[in-house]
Amino acid sequence: MKKDLPENLVQDVGMAVVLESDSPQGRSWNVYLINLKDTSLDTVLISSKGYGIKDGVDVKTSILRHSMGNIPAKTTARVEAIDEQVFGLTNEYLLSFYIGGQVFDKKYIFVPESIVESNMVRIPLLNKPGILIL
């Protein structure tokens, strides 16, 4: 049971929604896992989903599951593309990984309308604009 697991705090690992390109045809966005640790993350699993109310109707996106393998220290990994149409929803990412045989997990939540230009920062390791949650 979850209460029997040690409470391993996740630090120096983040999720970022990154603006890849901005052209007259539209903007291209991707979600990245950012590993700022000095050690690799092993057996990385990420599930993502979106939910909320759009135009007065409850909306849920499909749950996507990603097996990312091992993520080396001080690197990033592209998780998925994300469409601007879901920025008005809550976008949730559940990350699980191992370090030294111990399991770590953390939930990253991009609240509705948080993926906006005024919240953008320069994403470490990628050197691109985006929204980062550590």
C-alpha atoms as a PDB file:
ATOM      1  CA  MET A   1       0.000   0.000   0.000  1.00  0.00           C
ATOM      2  CA  LYS A   2       1.086   3.563  -0.605  1.00  0.00           C
ATOM      3  CA  LYS A   3       1.328   4.307   3.141  1.00  0.00           C
ATOM      4  CA  ASP A   4       4.002   1.590   3.406  1.00  0.00           C
ATOM      5  CA  LEU A   5       6.282   3.266   0.850  1.00  0.00           C
ATOM      6  CA  PRO A   6       8.958   5.707   1.986  1.00  0.00           C
ATOM      7  CA  GLU A   7       8.188   9.363   1.280  1.00  0.00           C
ATOM      8  CA  ASN A   8      10.897  10.116  -1.275  1.00  0.00           C
ATOM      9  CA  LEU A   9      10.789  13.787  -2.245  1.00  0.00           C
ATOM     10  CA  VAL A  10      11.413  14.612  -5.885  1.00  0.00           C
ATOM     11  CA  GLN A  11      13.816  17.527  -6.339  1.00  0.00           C
ATOM     12  CA  ASP A  12      15.606  18.907  -9.388  1.00  0.00           C
ATOM     13  CA  VAL A  13      13.224  17.145 -11.771  1.00  0.00           C
ATOM     14  CA  GLY A  14      10.600  19.143 -13.646  1.00  0.00           C
ATOM     15  CA  MET A  15       8.009  19.111 -16.383  1.00  0.00           C
ATOM     16  CA  ALA A  16       7.917  21.908 -18.944  1.00  0.00           C
ATOM     17  CA  VAL A  17       5.529  22.959 -21.678  1.00  0.00           C
ATOM     18  CA  VAL A  18       7.888  24.382 -24.300  1.00  0.00           C
ATOM     19  CA  LEU A  19       7.222  26.629 -27.286  1.00  0.00           C
ATOM     20  CA  GLU A  20       9.126  24.907 -30.089  1.00  0.00           C
ATOM     21  CA  SER A  21       8.233  27.236 -32.940  1.00  0.00           C
ATOM     22  CA  ASP A  22       6.137  30.325 -33.568  1.00  0.00           C
ATOM     23  CA  SER A  23       5.205  30.952 -37.198  1.00  0.00           C
ATOM     24  CA  PRO A  24       2.314  32.560 -39.106  1.00  0.00           C
ATOM     25  CA  GLN A  25       0.865  29.043 -39.526  1.00  0.00           C
ATOM     26  CA  GLY A  26       0.694  28.583 -35.740  1.00  0.00           C
ATOM     27  CA  ARG A  27       2.644  27.672 -32.655  1.00  0.00           C
ATOM     28  CA  SER A  28       4.134  24.266 -31.943  1.00  0.00           C
ATOM     29  CA  TRP A  29       4.321  23.075 -28.308  1.00  0.00           C
ATOM     30  CA  ASN A  30       5.872  20.018 -26.634  1.00  0.00           C
ATOM     31  CA  VAL A  31       6.028  18.706 -23.079  1.00  0.00           C
ATOM     32  CA  TYR A  32       9.480  17.806 -21.730  1.00  0.00           C
ATOM     33  CA  LEU A  33      10.842  16.033 -18.684  1.00  0.00           C
ATOM     34  CA  ILE A  34      13.767  18.071 -17.307  1.00  0.00           C
ATOM     35  CA  ASN A  35      16.360  16.153 -15.251  1.00  0.00           C
ATOM     36  CA  LEU A  36      18.562  18.672 -13.440  1.00  0.00           C
ATOM     37  CA  LYS A  37      19.962  15.990 -11.118  1.00  0.00           C
ATOM     38  CA  ASP A  38      23.560  14.757 -11.148  1.00  0.00           C
ATOM     39  CA  THR A  39      22.246  11.208 -11.475  1.00  0.00           C
ATOM     40  CA  SER A  40      20.140   9.378 -14.022  1.00  0.00           C
ATOM     41  CA  LEU A  41      16.458   8.572 -13.598  1.00  0.00           C
ATOM     42  CA  ASP A  42      15.754   4.891 -14.207  1.00  0.00           C
ATOM     43  CA  THR A  43      12.608   3.206 -15.557  1.00  0.00           C
ATOM     44  CA  VAL A  44      10.789   6.505 -16.063  1.00  0.00           C
ATOM     45  CA  LEU A  45       7.015   6.280 -16.532  1.00  0.00           C
ATOM     46  CA  ILE A  46       4.722   9.258 -17.189  1.00  0.00           C
ATOM     47  CA  SER A  47       0.953   9.363 -17.508  1.00  0.00           C
ATOM     48  CA  SER A  48      -0.818  12.456 -18.759  1.00  0.00           C
ATOM     49  CA  LYS A  49      -4.402  13.627 -18.884  1.00  0.00           C
ATOM     50  CA  GLY A  50      -6.440  16.774 -19.238  1.00  0.00           C
ATOM     51  CA  TYR A  51      -9.737  17.652 -17.626  1.00  0.00           C
ATOM     52  CA  GLY A  52     -11.974  20.604 -16.881  1.00  0.00           C
ATOM     53  CA  ILE A  53     -14.895  22.598 -18.214  1.00  0.00           C
ATOM     54  CA  LYS A  54     -14.893  24.003 -21.731  1.00  0.00           C
ATOM     55  CA  ASP A  55     -17.864  25.953 -23.110  1.00  0.00           C
ATOM     56  CA  GLY A  56     -19.927  24.847 -20.085  1.00  0.00           C
ATOM     57  CA  VAL A  57     -19.324  21.135 -20.703  1.00  0.00           C
ATOM     58  CA  ASP A  58     -17.183  18.732 -18.646  1.00  0.00           C
ATOM     59  CA  VAL A  59     -14.246  17.629 -20.789  1.00  0.00           C
ATOM     60  CA  LYS A  60     -11.729  14.808 -20.255  1.00  0.00           C
ATOM     61  CA  THR A  61      -8.902  13.902 -22.585  1.00  0.00           C
ATOM     62  CA  SER A  62      -7.607  10.392 -23.048  1.00  0.00           C
ATOM     63  CA  ILE A  63      -5.051   9.193 -20.524  1.00  0.00           C
ATOM     64  CA  LEU A  64      -1.706   8.730 -22.254  1.00  0.00           C
ATOM     65  CA  ARG A  65       1.042   6.569 -20.783  1.00  0.00           C
ATOM     66  CA  HIS A  66       4.689   6.988 -21.733  1.00  0.00           C
ATOM     67  CA  SER A  67       7.548   4.605 -20.952  1.00  0.00           C
ATOM     68  CA  MET A  68      10.637   6.798 -21.178  1.00  0.00           C
ATOM     69  CA  GLY A  69      13.340   4.311 -20.155  1.00  0.00           C
ATOM     70  CA  ASN A  70      16.376   5.836 -18.443  1.00  0.00           C
ATOM     71  CA  ILE A  71      16.992   9.599 -18.529  1.00  0.00           C
ATOM     72  CA  PRO A  72      20.679  10.534 -18.045  1.00  0.00           C
ATOM     73  CA  ALA A  73      21.780  13.259 -15.622  1.00  0.00           C
ATOM     74  CA  LYS A  74      21.444  16.881 -16.772  1.00  0.00           C
ATOM     75  CA  THR A  75      19.319  16.027 -19.828  1.00  0.00           C
ATOM     76  CA  THR A  76      15.783  16.426 -21.121  1.00  0.00           C
ATOM     77  CA  ALA A  77      13.354  14.035 -22.772  1.00  0.00           C
ATOM     78  CA  ARG A  78      10.415  14.946 -24.992  1.00  0.00           C
ATOM     79  CA  VAL A  79       7.244  13.426 -23.540  1.00  0.00           C
ATOM     80  CA  GLU A  80       4.526  14.446 -26.009  1.00  0.00           C
ATOM     81  CA  ALA A  81       3.177  17.173 -28.237  1.00  0.00           C
ATOM     82  CA  ILE A  82       0.470  19.343 -26.691  1.00  0.00           C
ATOM     83  CA  ASP A  83      -2.228  21.314 -28.524  1.00  0.00           C
ATOM     84  CA  GLU A  84      -3.134  24.881 -27.575  1.00  0.00           C
ATOM     85  CA  GLN A  85      -6.793  23.804 -27.448  1.00  0.00           C
ATOM     86  CA  VAL A  86      -6.166  22.014 -24.122  1.00  0.00           C
ATOM     87  CA  PHE A  87      -4.471  25.003 -22.437  1.00  0.00           C
ATOM     88  CA  GLY A  88      -7.871  25.958 -20.965  1.00  0.00           C
ATOM     89  CA  LEU A  89      -8.011  22.595 -19.174  1.00  0.00           C
ATOM     90  CA  THR A  90      -6.079  21.266 -16.201  1.00  0.00           C
ATOM     91  CA  ASN A  91      -3.165  19.289 -17.676  1.00  0.00           C
ATOM     92  CA  GLU A  92      -1.787  16.703 -15.251  1.00  0.00           C
ATOM     93  CA  TYR A  93       1.403  14.651 -15.510  1.00  0.00           C
ATOM     94  CA  LEU A  94       2.207  11.842 -13.080  1.00  0.00           C
ATOM     95  CA  LEU A  95       5.902  10.943 -13.069  1.00  0.00           C
ATOM     96  CA  SER A  96       7.425   7.784 -11.545  1.00  0.00           C
ATOM     97  CA  PHE A  97      11.074   6.717 -11.638  1.00  0.00           C
ATOM     98  CA  TYR A  98      13.782   4.878  -9.718  1.00  0.00           C
ATOM     99  CA  ILE A  99      17.106   6.043  -8.311  1.00  0.00           C
ATOM    100  CA  GLY A 100      19.268   3.406  -6.642  1.00  0.00           C
ATOM    101  CA  GLY A 101      16.389   0.958  -6.383  1.00  0.00           C
ATOM    102  CA  GLN A 102      14.100   3.451  -4.617  1.00  0.00           C
ATOM    103  CA  VAL A 103      10.879   4.598  -6.273  1.00  0.00           C
ATOM    104  CA  PHE A 104      10.020   8.287  -6.594  1.00  0.00           C
ATOM    105  CA  ASP A 105       6.839   9.863  -7.896  1.00  0.00           C
ATOM    106  CA  LYS A 106       5.438  13.338  -8.314  1.00  0.00           C
ATOM    107  CA  LYS A 107       2.377  14.941  -9.850  1.00  0.00           C
ATOM    108  CA  TYR A 108       2.806  18.076 -11.995  1.00  0.00           C
ATOM    109  CA  ILE A 109      -0.335  20.118 -12.647  1.00  0.00           C
ATOM    110  CA  PHE A 110      -0.603  22.925 -15.186  1.00  0.00           C
ATOM    111  CA  VAL A 111      -3.789  24.713 -14.096  1.00  0.00           C
ATOM    112  CA  PRO A 112      -6.187  26.171 -16.703  1.00  0.00           C
ATOM    113  CA  GLU A 113      -4.861  29.222 -18.530  1.00  0.00           C
ATOM    114  CA  SER A 114      -1.415  28.965 -16.863  1.00  0.00           C
ATOM    115  CA  ILE A 115       0.308  28.252 -20.175  1.00  0.00           C
ATOM    116  CA  VAL A 116       0.487  31.883 -21.283  1.00  0.00           C
ATOM    117  CA  GLU A 117       3.267  34.153 -22.459  1.00  0.00           C
ATOM    118  CA  SER A 118       3.405  36.115 -19.173  1.00  0.00           C
ATOM    119  CA  ASN A 119       4.355  32.901 -17.303  1.00  0.00           C
ATOM    120  CA  MET A 120       7.126  31.861 -19.701  1.00  0.00           C
ATOM    121  CA  VAL A 121      10.718  31.466 -18.567  1.00  0.00           C
ATOM    122  CA  ARG A 122      13.854  30.222 -20.300  1.00  0.00           C
ATOM    123  CA  ILE A 123      13.826  26.429 -19.781  1.00  0.00           C
ATOM    124  CA  PRO A 124      17.125  25.073 -18.405  1.00  0.00           C
ATOM    125  CA  LEU A 125      19.066  22.677 -20.661  1.00  0.00           C
ATOM    126  CA  LEU A 126      16.756  23.455 -23.625  1.00  0.00           C
ATOM    127  CA  ASN A 127      17.286  27.224 -23.775  1.00  0.00           C
ATOM    128  CA  LYS A 128      13.750  27.701 -25.145  1.00  0.00           C
ATOM    129  CA  PRO A 129      10.759  29.616 -23.773  1.00  0.00           C
ATOM    130  CA  GLY A 130       8.142  27.714 -21.809  1.00  0.00           C
ATOM    131  CA  ILE A 131       6.385  27.081 -18.533  1.00  0.00           C
ATOM    132  CA  LEU A 132       8.341  25.022 -16.000  1.00  0.00           C
ATOM    133  CA  ILE A 133       7.171  23.244 -12.857  1.00  0.00           C
ATOM    134  CA  LEU A 134       9.900  21.889 -10.577  1.00  0.00           C
END
